PDB file of N, CA and C in Angstrom:
ATOM      1  N   MET A   1       5.980  -8.622  11.558  1.00  0.00           N
ATOM      2  CA  MET A   1       7.289  -8.392  11.179  1.00  0.00           C
ATOM      3  C   MET A   1       7.449  -8.563   9.666  1.00  0.00           C
ATOM      4  N   THR A   2       8.167  -7.664   9.035  1.00  0.00           N
ATOM      5  CA  THR A   2       8.205  -7.613   7.665  1.00  0.00           C
ATOM      6  C   THR A   2       9.825  -8.319   7.230  1.00  0.00           C
ATOM      7  N   THR A   3       9.756  -9.128   6.227  1.00  0.00           N
ATOM      8  CA  THR A   3      11.005  -9.715   5.902  1.00  0.00           C
ATOM      9  C   THR A   3      11.668  -8.999   4.461  1.00  0.00           C
ATOM     10  N   ALA A   4      12.784  -9.124   4.281  1.00  0.00           N
ATOM     11  CA  ALA A   4      13.491  -8.618   3.068  1.00  0.00           C
ATOM     12  C   ALA A   4      12.601  -8.859   1.826  1.00  0.00           C
ATOM     13  N   ARG A   5      12.150 -10.037   1.827  1.00  0.00           N
ATOM     14  CA  ARG A   5      11.358 -10.576   0.764  1.00  0.00           C
ATOM     15  C   ARG A   5      10.140  -9.755   0.605  1.00  0.00           C
ATOM     16  N   ASN A   6       9.495  -9.537   1.894  1.00  0.00           N
ATOM     17  CA  ASN A   6       8.199  -8.695   1.791  1.00  0.00           C
ATOM     18  C   ASN A   6       8.249  -7.318   1.491  1.00  0.00           C
ATOM     19  N   ARG A   7       9.418  -6.643   1.880  1.00  0.00           N
ATOM     20  CA  ARG A   7       9.786  -5.359   1.618  1.00  0.00           C
ATOM     21  C   ARG A   7      10.025  -5.195   0.237  1.00  0.00           C
ATOM     22  N   LYS A   8      10.636  -6.189  -0.556  1.00  0.00           N
ATOM     23  CA  LYS A   8      10.981  -6.290  -1.995  1.00  0.00           C
ATOM     24  C   LYS A   8       9.439  -6.279  -2.757  1.00  0.00           C
ATOM     25  N   GLN A   9       8.438  -7.238  -2.305  1.00  0.00           N
ATOM     26  CA  GLN A   9       7.168  -7.282  -2.867  1.00  0.00           C
ATOM     27  C   GLN A   9       6.657  -5.965  -2.754  1.00  0.00           C
ATOM     28  N   VAL A  10       6.564  -5.241  -1.578  1.00  0.00           N
ATOM     29  CA  VAL A  10       5.834  -4.113  -1.432  1.00  0.00           C
ATOM     30  C   VAL A  10       6.439  -2.898  -2.286  1.00  0.00           C
ATOM     31  N   GLN A  11       7.890  -2.952  -2.409  1.00  0.00           N
ATOM     32  CA  GLN A  11       8.346  -1.891  -3.384  1.00  0.00           C
ATOM     33  C   GLN A  11       8.037  -1.978  -4.725  1.00  0.00           C
ATOM     34  N   LYS A  12       7.944  -3.454  -5.266  1.00  0.00           N
ATOM     35  CA  LYS A  12       7.532  -3.787  -6.484  1.00  0.00           C
ATOM     36  C   LYS A  12       6.186  -3.360  -6.631  1.00  0.00           C
ATOM     37  N   GLN A  13       5.257  -3.615  -5.893  1.00  0.00           N
ATOM     38  CA  GLN A  13       4.012  -3.174  -5.707  1.00  0.00           C
ATOM     39  C   GLN A  13       3.663  -1.593  -5.940  1.00  0.00           C
ATOM     40  N   GLY A  14       4.599  -0.888  -4.987  1.00  0.00           N
ATOM     41  CA  GLY A  14       4.655   0.571  -5.182  1.00  0.00           C
ATOM     42  C   GLY A  14       4.921   0.889  -6.506  1.00  0.00           C
ATOM     43  N   ALA A  15       5.871   0.412  -7.181  1.00  0.00           N
ATOM     44  CA  ALA A  15       6.383   0.777  -8.500  1.00  0.00           C
ATOM     45  C   ALA A  15       5.193   0.563  -9.379  1.00  0.00           C
ATOM     46  N   GLU A  16       4.590  -0.668  -9.300  1.00  0.00           N
ATOM     47  CA  GLU A  16       3.410  -0.886 -10.263  1.00  0.00           C
ATOM     48  C   GLU A  16       2.174  -0.149 -10.115  1.00  0.00           C
ATOM     49  N   SER A  17       2.091   0.436  -8.681  1.00  0.00           N
ATOM     50  CA  SER A  17       0.937   1.225  -8.499  1.00  0.00           C
ATOM     51  C   SER A  17       1.042   2.604  -8.884  1.00  0.00           C
ATOM     52  N   SER A  18       2.422   3.139  -9.285  1.00  0.00           N
ATOM     53  CA  SER A  18       2.569   4.426  -9.546  1.00  0.00           C
ATOM     54  C   SER A  18       1.906   4.687 -10.973  1.00  0.00           C
ATOM     55  N   ALA A  19       1.861   3.819 -11.678  1.00  0.00           N
ATOM     56  CA  ALA A  19       1.166   3.622 -13.051  1.00  0.00           C
ATOM     57  C   ALA A  19      -0.430   3.952 -12.828  1.00  0.00           C
ATOM     58  N   LYS A  20      -0.750   3.291 -11.835  1.00  0.00           N
ATOM     59  CA  LYS A  20      -2.246   3.201 -11.455  1.00  0.00           C
ATOM     60  C   LYS A  20      -2.655   4.409 -10.613  1.00  0.00           C
ATOM     61  N   LYS A  21      -1.780   5.202 -10.157  1.00  0.00           N
ATOM     62  CA  LYS A  21      -2.039   6.190  -9.135  1.00  0.00           C
ATOM     63  C   LYS A  21      -3.128   7.028  -9.546  1.00  0.00           C
ATOM     64  N   PRO A  22      -4.244   7.174  -8.791  1.00  0.00           N
ATOM     65  CA  PRO A  22      -5.348   7.976  -9.208  1.00  0.00           C
ATOM     66  C   PRO A  22      -5.159   9.533  -9.017  1.00  0.00           C
ATOM     67  N   PRO A  23      -5.676  10.329  -9.819  1.00  0.00           N
ATOM     68  CA  PRO A  23      -5.678  11.594  -9.715  1.00  0.00           C
ATOM     69  C   PRO A  23      -6.462  12.144  -8.286  1.00  0.00           C
ATOM     70  N   GLY A  24      -5.954  13.090  -7.566  1.00  0.00           N
ATOM     71  CA  GLY A  24      -6.718  13.938  -6.622  1.00  0.00           C
ATOM     72  C   GLY A  24      -7.635  13.116  -5.659  1.00  0.00           C
ATOM     73  N   GLY A  25      -8.956  13.240  -5.922  1.00  0.00           N
ATOM     74  CA  GLY A  25      -9.807  12.732  -4.985  1.00  0.00           C
ATOM     75  C   GLY A  25     -10.191  11.432  -4.891  1.00  0.00           C
ATOM     76  N   ASP A  26      -9.518  10.531  -5.678  1.00  0.00           N
ATOM     77  CA  ASP A  26      -9.569   9.252  -5.462  1.00  0.00           C
ATOM     78  C   ASP A  26      -8.548   8.532  -4.582  1.00  0.00           C
ATOM     79  N   THR A  27      -7.754   9.201  -3.807  1.00  0.00           N
ATOM     80  CA  THR A  27      -6.752   8.806  -2.877  1.00  0.00           C
ATOM     81  C   THR A  27      -7.398   7.798  -1.989  1.00  0.00           C
ATOM     82  N   ARG A  28      -8.436   8.003  -1.320  1.00  0.00           N
ATOM     83  CA  ARG A  28      -9.123   6.971  -0.372  1.00  0.00           C
ATOM     84  C   ARG A  28      -9.406   5.761  -1.066  1.00  0.00           C
ATOM     85  N   GLU A  29     -10.031   5.708  -2.177  1.00  0.00           N
ATOM     86  CA  GLU A  29     -10.169   4.466  -2.941  1.00  0.00           C
ATOM     87  C   GLU A  29      -8.905   3.723  -3.326  1.00  0.00           C
ATOM     88  N   HIS A  30      -7.869   4.537  -3.682  1.00  0.00           N
ATOM     89  CA  HIS A  30      -6.648   3.902  -3.880  1.00  0.00           C
ATOM     90  C   HIS A  30      -5.979   3.169  -2.662  1.00  0.00           C
ATOM     91  N   LEU A  31      -6.090   3.949  -1.479  1.00  0.00           N
ATOM     92  CA  LEU A  31      -5.596   3.390  -0.323  1.00  0.00           C
ATOM     93  C   LEU A  31      -6.340   2.200   0.033  1.00  0.00           C
ATOM     94  N   LEU A  32      -7.626   2.276  -0.093  1.00  0.00           N
ATOM     95  CA  LEU A  32      -8.383   1.005   0.208  1.00  0.00           C
ATOM     96  C   LEU A  32      -8.105  -0.188  -0.559  1.00  0.00           C
ATOM     97  N   ASP A  33      -7.851  -0.014  -1.990  1.00  0.00           N
ATOM     98  CA  ASP A  33      -7.635  -0.998  -2.931  1.00  0.00           C
ATOM     99  C   ASP A  33      -6.145  -1.552  -2.527  1.00  0.00           C
ATOM    100  N   CYS A  34      -5.209  -0.845  -2.222  1.00  0.00           N
ATOM    101  CA  CYS A  34      -3.954  -1.380  -1.983  1.00  0.00           C
ATOM    102  C   CYS A  34      -4.012  -2.122  -0.589  1.00  0.00           C
ATOM    103  N   ALA A  35      -4.761  -1.574   0.436  1.00  0.00           N
ATOM    104  CA  ALA A  35      -4.783  -2.152   1.521  1.00  0.00           C
ATOM    105  C   ALA A  35      -5.529  -3.597   1.519  1.00  0.00           C
ATOM    106  N   LEU A  36      -6.594  -3.653   0.655  1.00  0.00           N
ATOM    107  CA  LEU A  36      -7.226  -4.753   0.525  1.00  0.00           C
ATOM    108  C   LEU A  36      -6.395  -6.018  -0.317  1.00  0.00           C
ATOM    109  N   THR A  37      -5.706  -5.323  -1.306  1.00  0.00           N
ATOM    110  CA  THR A  37      -4.638  -6.253  -1.900  1.00  0.00           C
ATOM    111  C   THR A  37      -3.606  -7.002  -1.060  1.00  0.00           C
ATOM    112  N   LEU A  38      -3.138  -6.184  -0.240  1.00  0.00           N
ATOM    113  CA  LEU A  38      -2.142  -6.541   0.737  1.00  0.00           C
ATOM    114  C   LEU A  38      -2.662  -7.478   1.800  1.00  0.00           C
ATOM    115  N   PHE A  39      -4.082  -7.182   2.259  1.00  0.00           N
ATOM    116  CA  PHE A  39      -4.516  -8.110   3.225  1.00  0.00           C
ATOM    117  C   PHE A  39      -4.833  -9.470   2.433  1.00  0.00           C
ATOM    118  N   ALA A  40      -5.174  -9.489   1.182  1.00  0.00           N
ATOM    119  CA  ALA A  40      -5.558 -10.630   0.593  1.00  0.00           C
ATOM    120  C   ALA A  40      -4.296 -11.533   0.340  1.00  0.00           C
ATOM    121  N   GLU A  41      -3.204 -10.762   0.016  1.00  0.00           N
ATOM    122  CA  GLU A  41      -1.842 -11.522  -0.239  1.00  0.00           C
ATOM    123  C   GLU A  41      -1.167 -12.081   1.084  1.00  0.00           C
ATOM    124  N   ARG A  42      -1.291 -11.159   2.326  1.00  0.00           N
ATOM    125  CA  ARG A  42      -0.558 -11.496   3.415  1.00  0.00           C
ATOM    126  C   ARG A  42      -1.244 -11.817   4.640  1.00  0.00           C
ATOM    127  N   GLY A  43      -2.464 -11.381   4.679  1.00  0.00           N
ATOM    128  CA  GLY A  43      -3.364 -11.536   5.615  1.00  0.00           C
ATOM    129  C   GLY A  43      -3.338 -10.080   6.500  1.00  0.00           C
ATOM    130  N   TYR A  44      -4.291  -9.838   7.401  1.00  0.00           N
ATOM    131  CA  TYR A  44      -4.575  -8.728   7.983  1.00  0.00           C
ATOM    132  C   TYR A  44      -3.455  -8.500   9.019  1.00  0.00           C
ATOM    133  N   ALA A  45      -3.202  -9.534   9.855  1.00  0.00           N
ATOM    134  CA  ALA A  45      -2.274  -9.534  10.993  1.00  0.00           C
ATOM    135  C   ALA A  45      -0.891  -9.180  10.411  1.00  0.00           C
ATOM    136  N   ALA A  46      -0.428  -9.661   9.113  1.00  0.00           N
ATOM    137  CA  ALA A  46       0.965  -9.534   8.645  1.00  0.00           C
ATOM    138  C   ALA A  46       1.136  -8.302   7.762  1.00  0.00           C
ATOM    139  N   THR A  47       0.054  -7.401   7.727  1.00  0.00           N
ATOM    140  CA  THR A  47       0.058  -5.996   6.955  1.00  0.00           C
ATOM    141  C   THR A  47       0.245  -4.924   7.806  1.00  0.00           C
ATOM    142  N   SER A  48       1.104  -4.169   7.661  1.00  0.00           N
ATOM    143  CA  SER A  48       1.445  -2.873   8.465  1.00  0.00           C
ATOM    144  C   SER A  48       1.027  -1.633   7.685  1.00  0.00           C
ATOM    145  N   VAL A  49       0.791  -0.714   8.572  1.00  0.00           N
ATOM    146  CA  VAL A  49       0.466   0.613   7.971  1.00  0.00           C
ATOM    147  C   VAL A  49       1.492   1.234   7.001  1.00  0.00           C
ATOM    148  N   ARG A  50       2.868   0.744   7.381  1.00  0.00           N
ATOM    149  CA  ARG A  50       3.780   1.181   6.394  1.00  0.00           C
ATOM    150  C   ARG A  50       3.884   0.532   5.134  1.00  0.00           C
ATOM    151  N   ASP A  51       3.469  -1.035   5.292  1.00  0.00           N
ATOM    152  CA  ASP A  51       3.269  -1.425   3.943  1.00  0.00           C
ATOM    153  C   ASP A  51       2.166  -1.013   3.033  1.00  0.00           C
ATOM    154  N   ILE A  52       1.019  -0.426   3.631  1.00  0.00           N
ATOM    155  CA  ILE A  52       0.043   0.139   2.893  1.00  0.00           C
ATOM    156  C   ILE A  52       0.541   1.445   2.405  1.00  0.00           C
ATOM    157  N   ILE A  53       1.087   2.298   3.188  1.00  0.00           N
ATOM    158  CA  ILE A  53       1.512   3.570   2.541  1.00  0.00           C
ATOM    159  C   ILE A  53       2.469   3.426   1.528  1.00  0.00           C
ATOM    160  N   HIS A  54       3.273   2.460   1.575  1.00  0.00           N
ATOM    161  CA  HIS A  54       4.377   2.405   0.549  1.00  0.00           C
ATOM    162  C   HIS A  54       3.820   1.750  -0.847  1.00  0.00           C
ATOM    163  N   ALA A  55       2.799   0.836  -0.595  1.00  0.00           N
ATOM    164  CA  ALA A  55       2.169   0.365  -1.841  1.00  0.00           C
ATOM    165  C   ALA A  55       1.263   1.388  -2.692  1.00  0.00           C
ATOM    166  N   ALA A  56       0.817   2.229  -1.612  1.00  0.00           N
ATOM    167  CA  ALA A  56      -0.068   3.262  -2.091  1.00  0.00           C
ATOM    168  C   ALA A  56       0.722   4.631  -2.607  1.00  0.00           C
ATOM    169  N   GLU A  57       1.902   4.666  -2.124  1.00  0.00           N
ATOM    170  CA  GLU A  57       2.820   5.859  -2.548  1.00  0.00           C
ATOM    171  C   GLU A  57       2.346   7.091  -1.962  1.00  0.00           C
ATOM    172  N   VAL A  58       1.855   7.112  -0.719  1.00  0.00           N
ATOM    173  CA  VAL A  58       1.391   8.220  -0.006  1.00  0.00           C
ATOM    174  C   VAL A  58       2.307   8.188   1.392  1.00  0.00           C
ATOM    175  N   THR A  59       2.133   9.315   2.024  1.00  0.00           N
ATOM    176  CA  THR A  59       2.653   9.685   3.172  1.00  0.00           C
ATOM    177  C   THR A  59       1.759   9.135   4.382  1.00  0.00           C
ATOM    178  N   GLN A  60       2.389   9.145   5.436  1.00  0.00           N
ATOM    179  CA  GLN A  60       1.492   8.372   6.515  1.00  0.00           C
ATOM    180  C   GLN A  60       0.340   9.419   7.111  1.00  0.00           C
ATOM    181  N   PRO A  61       0.576  10.747   6.996  1.00  0.00           N
ATOM    182  CA  PRO A  61      -0.287  11.778   7.379  1.00  0.00           C
ATOM    183  C   PRO A  61      -1.558  11.651   6.330  1.00  0.00           C
ATOM    184  N   THR A  62      -1.181  11.302   5.153  1.00  0.00           N
ATOM    185  CA  THR A  62      -2.382  11.172   3.943  1.00  0.00           C
ATOM    186  C   THR A  62      -3.239   9.975   4.569  1.00  0.00           C
ATOM    187  N   LEU A  63      -2.764   8.820   4.975  1.00  0.00           N
ATOM    188  CA  LEU A  63      -3.597   7.853   5.391  1.00  0.00           C
ATOM    189  C   LEU A  63      -4.480   8.151   6.501  1.00  0.00           C
ATOM    190  N   TYR A  64      -4.050   8.774   7.545  1.00  0.00           N
ATOM    191  CA  TYR A  64      -4.896   9.148   8.724  1.00  0.00           C
ATOM    192  C   TYR A  64      -5.638  10.393   8.467  1.00  0.00           C
ATOM    193  N   TYR A  65      -5.464  11.282   7.335  1.00  0.00           N
ATOM    194  CA  TYR A  65      -6.395  12.185   7.145  1.00  0.00           C
ATOM    195  C   TYR A  65      -7.589  11.951   6.469  1.00  0.00           C
TER     196      TYR A  65
END
């Protein structure tokens, strides 16, 4: 369950990650980096797919592709 505070943190991270967003082929690595960062901050059980895609600034199909 995400709280308003967590959503704000994810949005903030998403804004910060836009400057670090990799070009083209590095999307997988970027997703993994974002996921690992969120897992370290919140724990695996408290991190959703939605949190990861928002932090990485990608769409859900991109995550699953």
